[in-house]
Amino acid sequence: MARNGDRTAFGRLVKQYQRRVYAAALHLLGNHSDADDATQETFVRAYRALDNFDGRSEFFTWLYRIAVNTSLNFMRSGRRAGRLGQHGGAEAAHLGGRPEALGMAPRDPEQHHELSREMRRVVEAVASLSPPLRVTLVLSVVQELSHRQVAEILEIPEGTVGWRINEARRLLRRRLAAAEQGPDEISGQAAGDAPDASARARGKRSREERGQRRPAGDPT
């Protein structure tokens, strides 16, 4: 068994969980270099601490706690979440992203070509969240863990998990909307400007202006 220092058994565990640990690190740290380093350090720490694993929790819960703490240490050490490359967002999504969890699933085939670009924006927006919100969202949405599992990994109440996820999604939607629409439109809507009514008013003014400019005798 891996707990008894069996390198072969531990190697199987690495193979089983490496992809998911890397996906979590990539979403948390925002760049491939740090994600690679954090993944490697996670398994080194796990191997050294195997004797301390008492089996009271599931192995992956114990391993993910190490992965999260390792990634947080990277953040505290002065490393900054970087921008992913052109295909980085799509790769991160492929490694475990769930756009439908954020209401981003394509509604028809024509929208599929936009998904990679949109996911890259989402990954960058996730990187802008505070570490507690980012970690909780990644474990829940990207890793598809239950609230109970996330609570065990982060050692927080389940209610806190739910609040963090809702808050993270709220901030993501606001930031993505701001990036898509621009600050002026967001400010207008936040002030209670109804977009449909505003558009109708602009259309009415435009028709009136065209009527004023219409040459005499024009039947239309």
C-alpha atoms as a PDB file:
ATOM      1  CA  MET A   1       0.000   0.000   0.000  1.00  0.00           C
ATOM      2  CA  ALA A   2       1.037   3.611  -0.645  1.00  0.00           C
ATOM      3  CA  ARG A   3       0.859   4.362   3.094  1.00  0.00           C
ATOM      4  CA  ASN A   4       3.647   1.843   3.659  1.00  0.00           C
ATOM      5  CA  GLY A   5       5.960   3.572   1.213  1.00  0.00           C
ATOM      6  CA  ASP A   6       5.021   1.515  -1.852  1.00  0.00           C
ATOM      7  CA  ARG A   7       6.212   3.764  -4.689  1.00  0.00           C
ATOM      8  CA  THR A   8       4.276   1.795  -7.283  1.00  0.00           C
ATOM      9  CA  ALA A   9       1.029   2.194  -5.361  1.00  0.00           C
ATOM     10  CA  PHE A  10       1.677   5.900  -4.869  1.00  0.00           C
ATOM     11  CA  GLY A  11       2.464   6.225  -8.562  1.00  0.00           C
ATOM     12  CA  ARG A  12      -0.995   4.881  -9.334  1.00  0.00           C
ATOM     13  CA  LEU A  13      -2.508   7.516  -7.061  1.00  0.00           C
ATOM     14  CA  VAL A  14      -0.521  10.229  -8.833  1.00  0.00           C
ATOM     15  CA  LYS A  15      -1.773   9.001 -12.199  1.00  0.00           C
ATOM     16  CA  GLN A  16      -5.352   8.891 -10.920  1.00  0.00           C
ATOM     17  CA  TYR A  17      -5.445  12.409  -9.464  1.00  0.00           C
ATOM     18  CA  GLN A  18      -2.730  14.376 -11.274  1.00  0.00           C
ATOM     19  CA  ARG A  19      -4.985  15.753 -14.001  1.00  0.00           C
ATOM     20  CA  ARG A  20      -7.602  17.041 -11.559  1.00  0.00           C
ATOM     21  CA  VAL A  21      -5.027  18.504  -9.171  1.00  0.00           C
ATOM     22  CA  TYR A  22      -3.390  20.291 -12.101  1.00  0.00           C
ATOM     23  CA  ALA A  23      -6.763  21.629 -13.295  1.00  0.00           C
ATOM     24  CA  ALA A  24      -7.479  23.046  -9.847  1.00  0.00           C
ATOM     25  CA  ALA A  25      -4.016  24.618  -9.620  1.00  0.00           C
ATOM     26  CA  LEU A  26      -4.349  26.138 -13.093  1.00  0.00           C
ATOM     27  CA  HIS A  27      -7.664  27.774 -12.236  1.00  0.00           C
ATOM     28  CA  LEU A  28      -6.338  28.991  -8.889  1.00  0.00           C
ATOM     29  CA  LEU A  29      -2.968  30.316 -10.051  1.00  0.00           C
ATOM     30  CA  GLY A  30      -3.839  31.375 -13.595  1.00  0.00           C
ATOM     31  CA  ASN A  31      -0.685  30.229 -15.376  1.00  0.00           C
ATOM     32  CA  HIS A  32       0.794  26.931 -16.492  1.00  0.00           C
ATOM     33  CA  SER A  33       4.220  27.332 -14.919  1.00  0.00           C
ATOM     34  CA  ASP A  34       2.930  27.830 -11.386  1.00  0.00           C
ATOM     35  CA  ALA A  35       0.277  25.146 -11.897  1.00  0.00           C
ATOM     36  CA  ASP A  36       2.989  22.648 -12.880  1.00  0.00           C
ATOM     37  CA  ASP A  37       5.107  23.570  -9.863  1.00  0.00           C
ATOM     38  CA  ALA A  38       2.156  23.454  -7.462  1.00  0.00           C
ATOM     39  CA  THR A  39       1.041  20.058  -8.770  1.00  0.00           C
ATOM     40  CA  GLN A  40       4.511  18.596  -8.363  1.00  0.00           C
ATOM     41  CA  GLU A  41       4.888  20.053  -4.872  1.00  0.00           C
ATOM     42  CA  THR A  42       1.447  18.732  -3.894  1.00  0.00           C
ATOM     43  CA  PHE A  43       2.430  15.143  -4.625  1.00  0.00           C
ATOM     44  CA  VAL A  44       5.841  15.532  -2.986  1.00  0.00           C
ATOM     45  CA  ARG A  45       4.158  16.797   0.185  1.00  0.00           C
ATOM     46  CA  ALA A  46       1.531  14.066  -0.007  1.00  0.00           C
ATOM     47  CA  TYR A  47       4.166  11.340  -0.307  1.00  0.00           C
ATOM     48  CA  ARG A  48       6.104  12.695   2.662  1.00  0.00           C
ATOM     49  CA  ALA A  49       2.926  12.967   4.739  1.00  0.00           C
ATOM     50  CA  LEU A  50       1.442   9.562   3.896  1.00  0.00           C
ATOM     51  CA  ASP A  51       2.163   8.234   7.376  1.00  0.00           C
ATOM     52  CA  ASN A  52      -0.037  11.021   8.769  1.00  0.00           C
ATOM     53  CA  PHE A  53      -3.038   9.970   6.676  1.00  0.00           C
ATOM     54  CA  ASP A  54      -5.241   8.183   9.190  1.00  0.00           C
ATOM     55  CA  GLY A  55      -8.024   7.185   6.816  1.00  0.00           C
ATOM     56  CA  ARG A  56     -10.743   9.089   8.683  1.00  0.00           C
ATOM     57  CA  SER A  57     -11.397  11.133   5.539  1.00  0.00           C
ATOM     58  CA  GLU A  58     -11.350  10.078   1.899  1.00  0.00           C
ATOM     59  CA  PHE A  59      -7.915  10.080   0.295  1.00  0.00           C
ATOM     60  CA  PHE A  60      -8.825  12.617  -2.379  1.00  0.00           C
ATOM     61  CA  THR A  61     -10.184  14.980   0.315  1.00  0.00           C
ATOM     62  CA  TRP A  62      -6.871  14.767   2.130  1.00  0.00           C
ATOM     63  CA  LEU A  63      -4.935  15.209  -1.128  1.00  0.00           C
ATOM     64  CA  TYR A  64      -6.990  18.198  -2.264  1.00  0.00           C
ATOM     65  CA  ARG A  65      -6.457  19.898   1.072  1.00  0.00           C
ATOM     66  CA  ILE A  66      -2.721  19.649   0.411  1.00  0.00           C
ATOM     67  CA  ALA A  67      -3.223  20.927  -3.156  1.00  0.00           C
ATOM     68  CA  VAL A  68      -5.276  23.911  -1.997  1.00  0.00           C
ATOM     69  CA  ASN A  69      -2.804  24.834   0.741  1.00  0.00           C
ATOM     70  CA  THR A  70       0.077  24.526  -1.713  1.00  0.00           C
ATOM     71  CA  SER A  71      -1.642  26.819  -4.225  1.00  0.00           C
ATOM     72  CA  LEU A  72      -2.478  29.339  -1.497  1.00  0.00           C
ATOM     73  CA  ASN A  73       1.171  29.323  -0.421  1.00  0.00           C
ATOM     74  CA  PHE A  74       2.136  30.118  -4.014  1.00  0.00           C
ATOM     75  CA  MET A  75      -0.232  33.095  -3.950  1.00  0.00           C
ATOM     76  CA  ARG A  76       1.110  34.349  -0.619  1.00  0.00           C
ATOM     77  CA  SER A  77       4.702  34.018  -1.806  1.00  0.00           C
ATOM     78  CA  GLY A  78       4.184  36.942  -4.151  1.00  0.00           C
ATOM     79  CA  ARG A  79       3.245  35.063  -7.288  1.00  0.00           C
ATOM     80  CA  ARG A  80       0.431  36.681  -9.190  1.00  0.00           C
ATOM     81  CA  ALA A  81      -2.309  35.045 -11.182  1.00  0.00           C
ATOM     82  CA  GLY A  82      -1.230  35.553 -14.768  1.00  0.00           C
ATOM     83  CA  ARG A  83      -3.148  35.728 -18.017  1.00  0.00           C
ATOM     84  CA  LEU A  84      -3.525  32.432 -19.777  1.00  0.00           C
ATOM     85  CA  GLY A  85      -2.296  32.135 -23.328  1.00  0.00           C
ATOM     86  CA  GLN A  86      -4.511  32.101 -26.397  1.00  0.00           C
ATOM     87  CA  HIS A  87      -5.636  28.533 -25.821  1.00  0.00           C
ATOM     88  CA  GLY A  88      -5.144  28.486 -22.064  1.00  0.00           C
ATOM     89  CA  GLY A  89      -8.737  29.164 -21.150  1.00  0.00           C
ATOM     90  CA  ALA A  90     -10.010  26.438 -23.434  1.00  0.00           C
ATOM     91  CA  GLU A  91      -7.473  23.996 -22.013  1.00  0.00           C
ATOM     92  CA  ALA A  92      -8.435  24.870 -18.465  1.00  0.00           C
ATOM     93  CA  ALA A  93     -12.074  24.373 -19.363  1.00  0.00           C
ATOM     94  CA  HIS A  94     -11.305  21.029 -20.994  1.00  0.00           C
ATOM     95  CA  LEU A  95      -9.446  19.931 -17.885  1.00  0.00           C
ATOM     96  CA  GLY A  96     -12.530  20.358 -15.788  1.00  0.00           C
ATOM     97  CA  GLY A  97     -14.479  23.520 -16.502  1.00  0.00           C
ATOM     98  CA  ARG A  98     -18.263  23.454 -16.533  1.00  0.00           C
ATOM     99  CA  PRO A  99     -19.576  26.517 -18.402  1.00  0.00           C
ATOM    100  CA  GLU A 100     -23.176  25.415 -17.871  1.00  0.00           C
ATOM    101  CA  ALA A 101     -22.656  25.826 -14.122  1.00  0.00           C
ATOM    102  CA  LEU A 102     -22.223  29.555 -14.763  1.00  0.00           C
ATOM    103  CA  GLY A 103     -25.073  29.709 -17.273  1.00  0.00           C
ATOM    104  CA  MET A 104     -22.673  29.714 -20.223  1.00  0.00           C
ATOM    105  CA  ALA A 105     -23.605  26.509 -22.060  1.00  0.00           C
ATOM    106  CA  PRO A 106     -24.098  27.111 -25.800  1.00  0.00           C
ATOM    107  CA  ARG A 107     -27.791  27.216 -26.660  1.00  0.00           C
ATOM    108  CA  ASP A 108     -27.358  26.148 -30.295  1.00  0.00           C
ATOM    109  CA  PRO A 109     -24.587  24.755 -32.540  1.00  0.00           C
ATOM    110  CA  GLU A 110     -23.685  28.207 -33.886  1.00  0.00           C
ATOM    111  CA  GLN A 111     -22.520  29.236 -30.409  1.00  0.00           C
ATOM    112  CA  HIS A 112     -19.954  26.466 -29.993  1.00  0.00           C
ATOM    113  CA  HIS A 113     -17.188  28.399 -31.771  1.00  0.00           C
ATOM    114  CA  GLU A 114     -17.570  31.169 -29.177  1.00  0.00           C
ATOM    115  CA  LEU A 115     -17.190  28.870 -26.175  1.00  0.00           C
ATOM    116  CA  SER A 116     -13.381  28.697 -26.065  1.00  0.00           C
ATOM    117  CA  ARG A 117     -13.054  32.477 -26.206  1.00  0.00           C
ATOM    118  CA  GLU A 118     -15.728  32.918 -23.558  1.00  0.00           C
ATOM    119  CA  MET A 119     -14.194  30.287 -21.289  1.00  0.00           C
ATOM    120  CA  ARG A 120     -10.844  32.060 -21.488  1.00  0.00           C
ATOM    121  CA  ARG A 121     -12.561  35.221 -20.259  1.00  0.00           C
ATOM    122  CA  VAL A 122     -14.204  33.253 -17.461  1.00  0.00           C
ATOM    123  CA  VAL A 123     -10.901  31.725 -16.331  1.00  0.00           C
ATOM    124  CA  GLU A 124      -9.353  35.199 -16.209  1.00  0.00           C
ATOM    125  CA  ALA A 125     -12.357  36.526 -14.283  1.00  0.00           C
ATOM    126  CA  VAL A 126     -12.064  33.647 -11.807  1.00  0.00           C
ATOM    127  CA  ALA A 127      -8.417  34.594 -11.280  1.00  0.00           C
ATOM    128  CA  SER A 128      -9.563  38.072 -10.216  1.00  0.00           C
ATOM    129  CA  LEU A 129     -11.638  36.715  -7.309  1.00  0.00           C
ATOM    130  CA  SER A 130     -10.324  36.747  -3.752  1.00  0.00           C
ATOM    131  CA  PRO A 131      -8.545  33.486  -2.794  1.00  0.00           C
ATOM    132  CA  PRO A 132     -11.377  32.182  -0.542  1.00  0.00           C
ATOM    133  CA  LEU A 133     -14.015  32.705  -3.238  1.00  0.00           C
ATOM    134  CA  ARG A 134     -11.752  31.412  -5.989  1.00  0.00           C
ATOM    135  CA  VAL A 135     -10.820  28.225  -4.140  1.00  0.00           C
ATOM    136  CA  THR A 136     -14.411  27.446  -3.203  1.00  0.00           C
ATOM    137  CA  LEU A 137     -15.721  28.051  -6.725  1.00  0.00           C
ATOM    138  CA  VAL A 138     -12.987  25.963  -8.355  1.00  0.00           C
ATOM    139  CA  LEU A 139     -13.558  22.996  -6.059  1.00  0.00           C
ATOM    140  CA  SER A 140     -17.322  23.130  -6.503  1.00  0.00           C
ATOM    141  CA  VAL A 141     -17.729  24.044 -10.177  1.00  0.00           C
ATOM    142  CA  VAL A 142     -14.502  22.888 -11.803  1.00  0.00           C
ATOM    143  CA  GLN A 143     -13.876  19.823  -9.675  1.00  0.00           C
ATOM    144  CA  GLU A 144     -17.609  19.096  -9.303  1.00  0.00           C
ATOM    145  CA  LEU A 145     -17.326  18.354  -5.590  1.00  0.00           C
ATOM    146  CA  SER A 146     -20.310  18.453  -3.266  1.00  0.00           C
ATOM    147  CA  HIS A 147     -20.716  21.183  -0.663  1.00  0.00           C
ATOM    148  CA  ARG A 148     -19.898  18.605   1.993  1.00  0.00           C
ATOM    149  CA  GLN A 149     -16.646  17.621   0.272  1.00  0.00           C
ATOM    150  CA  VAL A 150     -15.610  21.238  -0.239  1.00  0.00           C
ATOM    151  CA  ALA A 151     -16.384  21.977   3.413  1.00  0.00           C
ATOM    152  CA  GLU A 152     -14.171  19.069   4.500  1.00  0.00           C
ATOM    153  CA  ILE A 153     -11.299  20.140   2.263  1.00  0.00           C
ATOM    154  CA  LEU A 154     -11.417  23.788   3.339  1.00  0.00           C
ATOM    155  CA  GLU A 155     -12.458  22.978   6.918  1.00  0.00           C
ATOM    156  CA  ILE A 156     -15.350  25.436   6.859  1.00  0.00           C
ATOM    157  CA  PRO A 157     -19.128  25.040   7.427  1.00  0.00           C
ATOM    158  CA  GLU A 158     -21.266  23.899   4.493  1.00  0.00           C
ATOM    159  CA  GLY A 159     -23.292  27.101   4.787  1.00  0.00           C
ATOM    160  CA  THR A 160     -20.132  29.113   4.160  1.00  0.00           C
ATOM    161  CA  VAL A 161     -19.455  27.045   1.054  1.00  0.00           C
ATOM    162  CA  GLY A 162     -22.879  27.897  -0.346  1.00  0.00           C
ATOM    163  CA  TRP A 163     -22.487  31.602   0.413  1.00  0.00           C
ATOM    164  CA  ARG A 164     -19.045  31.760  -1.207  1.00  0.00           C
ATOM    165  CA  ILE A 165     -20.262  30.038  -4.369  1.00  0.00           C
ATOM    166  CA  ASN A 166     -23.225  32.389  -4.732  1.00  0.00           C
ATOM    167  CA  GLU A 167     -21.045  35.434  -4.101  1.00  0.00           C
ATOM    168  CA  ALA A 168     -18.396  34.249  -6.568  1.00  0.00           C
ATOM    169  CA  ARG A 169     -20.988  33.687  -9.286  1.00  0.00           C
ATOM    170  CA  ARG A 170     -22.532  37.096  -8.635  1.00  0.00           C
ATOM    171  CA  LEU A 171     -19.157  38.806  -8.997  1.00  0.00           C
ATOM    172  CA  LEU A 172     -18.286  36.794 -12.098  1.00  0.00           C
ATOM    173  CA  ARG A 173     -21.547  37.660 -13.828  1.00  0.00           C
ATOM    174  CA  ARG A 174     -21.060  41.341 -13.015  1.00  0.00           C
ATOM    175  CA  ARG A 175     -17.462  41.410 -14.237  1.00  0.00           C
ATOM    176  CA  LEU A 176     -18.235  39.478 -17.413  1.00  0.00           C
ATOM    177  CA  ALA A 177     -21.183  41.766 -18.137  1.00  0.00           C
ATOM    178  CA  ALA A 178     -18.977  44.803 -17.579  1.00  0.00           C
ATOM    179  CA  ALA A 179     -16.363  43.435 -19.975  1.00  0.00           C
ATOM    180  CA  GLU A 180     -19.017  42.682 -22.592  1.00  0.00           C
ATOM    181  CA  GLN A 181     -21.139  45.838 -22.360  1.00  0.00           C
ATOM    182  CA  GLY A 182     -18.711  48.464 -21.155  1.00  0.00           C
ATOM    183  CA  PRO A 183     -18.846  50.556 -17.963  1.00  0.00           C
ATOM    184  CA  ASP A 184     -21.320  53.147 -19.289  1.00  0.00           C
ATOM    185  CA  GLU A 185     -24.039  50.624 -20.061  1.00  0.00           C
ATOM    186  CA  ILE A 186     -23.522  48.795 -16.762  1.00  0.00           C
ATOM    187  CA  SER A 187     -23.795  52.095 -14.859  1.00  0.00           C
ATOM    188  CA  GLY A 188     -27.002  52.996 -16.660  1.00  0.00           C
ATOM    189  CA  GLN A 189     -28.615  49.658 -15.910  1.00  0.00           C
ATOM    190  CA  ALA A 190     -27.455  49.747 -12.301  1.00  0.00           C
ATOM    191  CA  ALA A 191     -29.163  53.122 -11.926  1.00  0.00           C
ATOM    192  CA  GLY A 192     -32.453  51.579 -12.973  1.00  0.00           C
ATOM    193  CA  ASP A 193     -32.390  52.388 -16.681  1.00  0.00           C
ATOM    194  CA  ALA A 194     -34.555  49.784 -18.406  1.00  0.00           C
ATOM    195  CA  PRO A 195     -32.720  48.727 -21.594  1.00  0.00           C
ATOM    196  CA  ASP A 196     -35.907  47.947 -23.579  1.00  0.00           C
ATOM    197  CA  ALA A 197     -37.601  51.235 -22.708  1.00  0.00           C
ATOM    198  CA  SER A 198     -34.415  53.137 -23.461  1.00  0.00           C
ATOM    199  CA  ALA A 199     -34.102  51.463 -26.852  1.00  0.00           C
ATOM    200  CA  ARG A 200     -37.730  52.271 -27.704  1.00  0.00           C
ATOM    201  CA  ALA A 201     -37.194  55.902 -26.742  1.00  0.00           C
ATOM    202  CA  ARG A 202     -34.110  56.137 -28.964  1.00  0.00           C
ATOM    203  CA  GLY A 203     -36.014  54.541 -31.839  1.00  0.00           C
ATOM    204  CA  LYS A 204     -38.880  57.016 -31.457  1.00  0.00           C
ATOM    205  CA  ARG A 205     -36.491  59.976 -31.456  1.00  0.00           C
ATOM    206  CA  SER A 206     -34.768  58.606 -34.557  1.00  0.00           C
ATOM    207  CA  ARG A 207     -38.080  58.256 -36.424  1.00  0.00           C
ATOM    208  CA  GLU A 208     -39.087  61.781 -35.452  1.00  0.00           C
ATOM    209  CA  GLU A 209     -35.775  63.150 -36.683  1.00  0.00           C
ATOM    210  CA  ARG A 210     -36.146  61.327 -39.999  1.00  0.00           C
ATOM    211  CA  GLY A 211     -39.642  62.771 -40.346  1.00  0.00           C
ATOM    212  CA  GLN A 212     -38.331  66.276 -39.791  1.00  0.00           C
ATOM    213  CA  ARG A 213     -35.682  65.800 -42.489  1.00  0.00           C
ATOM    214  CA  ARG A 214     -38.073  64.181 -45.025  1.00  0.00           C
ATOM    215  CA  PRO A 215     -38.300  66.217 -48.292  1.00  0.00           C
ATOM    216  CA  ALA A 216     -41.648  67.756 -49.173  1.00  0.00           C
ATOM    217  CA  GLY A 217     -43.844  65.477 -51.251  1.00  0.00           C
ATOM    218  CA  ASP A 218     -42.127  62.265 -50.082  1.00  0.00           C
ATOM    219  CA  PRO A 219     -45.012  59.777 -49.578  1.00  0.00           C
ATOM    220  CA  THR A 220     -43.059  57.687 -47.101  1.00  0.00           C
END
